[in-house]
Amino acid sequence: MSASAGTRVLRLALALALALHATSGWAVLPATLVYWVLVVLVAAAIDHAMARHTVGSAAAASMDSVSGEAGAAPAPARLPPPAQPVIPPAALCARPSGPRQWRLHLEDIVPFPEERFPRQGICTTSELVLYAGDALVLAFHPAADSPAQWRCDVLAPGATQPQWLEVAADVEYVVPIAQTGVYSIGIGQAELHVPGTVALWRRVPEPERLAWPVQPLRGAPLVYAQRSDGSLAIDDAPALDAWPLAQLPLRCVARAPAGAALLFASVDRSWDVPGASDAAVADPADGAIVHRHFLQLSQGDVLVLEAVWTSALFGQPLPVPGGTRPTDGELRLFALLHGPQLAALHSSATAPTCVEVVCPVDGLYCLELWLSGPASWRDRAVETLVDLRLWGAFVQRPARLRAFSLQQVWVGDRGRQCLPVPVPVPLPLP
């Protein structure tokens, strides 16, 4: 039984007082020892009894809260109401006989009144990458008192006119895919009420194809031009769907593979743009700090990005005009200037993150660290906020990784940015 020095002194003083009251002379010393032992034993017995009572009360309260007998039981969890009318199993329609099908549900779209330019009569479109040998299946699920069919269209890659489809409620419409590419599926415009839902499915001949990506690669290639005064400029207008490719998903891995080369590490402090605060990159009014490191990558290169955040520094209240906002951070790897984006890691992650990405197209890429925090972060070493490493697991043209010069380039009407400008790479000697 542990006790503080003050408690021991008080017990000894109590024993001495009792001994002086009961005896005198030479008998005071042994009487003091006897009374001190009795005081210690009584105190220990009281402590033990109180501890048993406290543990028993806590256990009873815990059991009451679990069983709901204390009147403070938590409310049972409930799923949100179904988004569509509930269909009983007996109402399911039998599929036609024949070979079993492999399908992937893509999207449910509800028509609405607005018209989407430039497709007349279409309220919205969905862009998907479909592969030769697949089949696009459209199914119309009408609402009450709605028409028995709905008009849609499909614009194939390279086509100038869409193919109109009358999707019936009782029969699915199947569109065979003969050419791999980005398809635009249009949904007919509604009038005044919701007519129902159009479901999009992808039917494939083999189950392995269900894992193939269907989201188009978004972005625009970076092209430099020379202004009349001789300075460099780029077009700042983003162009989507510049490549007829699918967005490759990133893959979480345990570590960089054997033989990977370290391309960049935050501890080296070799940022090409350290702590940019100009309005072209980050808004100074937001207190944003941006660090950038550039690379020239080739299609098919495999990179591994790993990072761990000092989580105690993020999510803290940051005073701003009119209130507060939490300190924040994000790490991105993307193609300049408008994507595609390969990876994005957020400061909300409390554990180390390691992801593997595949470069989809040739071009200039940027590893960007965006921070929103106090002004003192501008002079703080980045590795105290986030420790990161970028590995080259499979790099096909290592001589081109840093084959560029950093120059001030005009970006639209926003001013100049420090950007990489490729330089010719000398051919190897025979």
Foldseek 3Di string as FASTA:
>chain_A
DDDDPVVLVVLLVVLLVVLVVVDDDPSSVVSSVVSSVVSVVVVVVVVVVVVVVVVVVVVVVVVCQVVVVVVNHDDDDDDDDDPDDDDDPVPDDDDDDDDDWAKDWDDKDWAEADPDPPPPQFNDKDKWWDAQQKKKKKAWAFDPPADQWFKKWKDDPPDDDTHIDTHGNVDIDIGHDHHTFIMIITGGHDHHDTGGIMIIMMIHPDNVCVPPAIAAQFWDAWDWDADPVGAIATEQDIDTPPDRDGQDAKAWDDDFDPPWAWPDWLVVVPFPAAFDDAPVVHPVLQQKTKTKHKWWAAAFWKKKKKKAFPLVQWQDWADHVPGTDTKWKKWWKAFPDTGDTFDMDISVDHDMTMIMTGHHHTHMMMTMMMTGHDPVVSVDRVVNGMIMTMIGNGGDCVQRTQQWDWDWYHYPPRGTDTDTDHDDDDDDDD
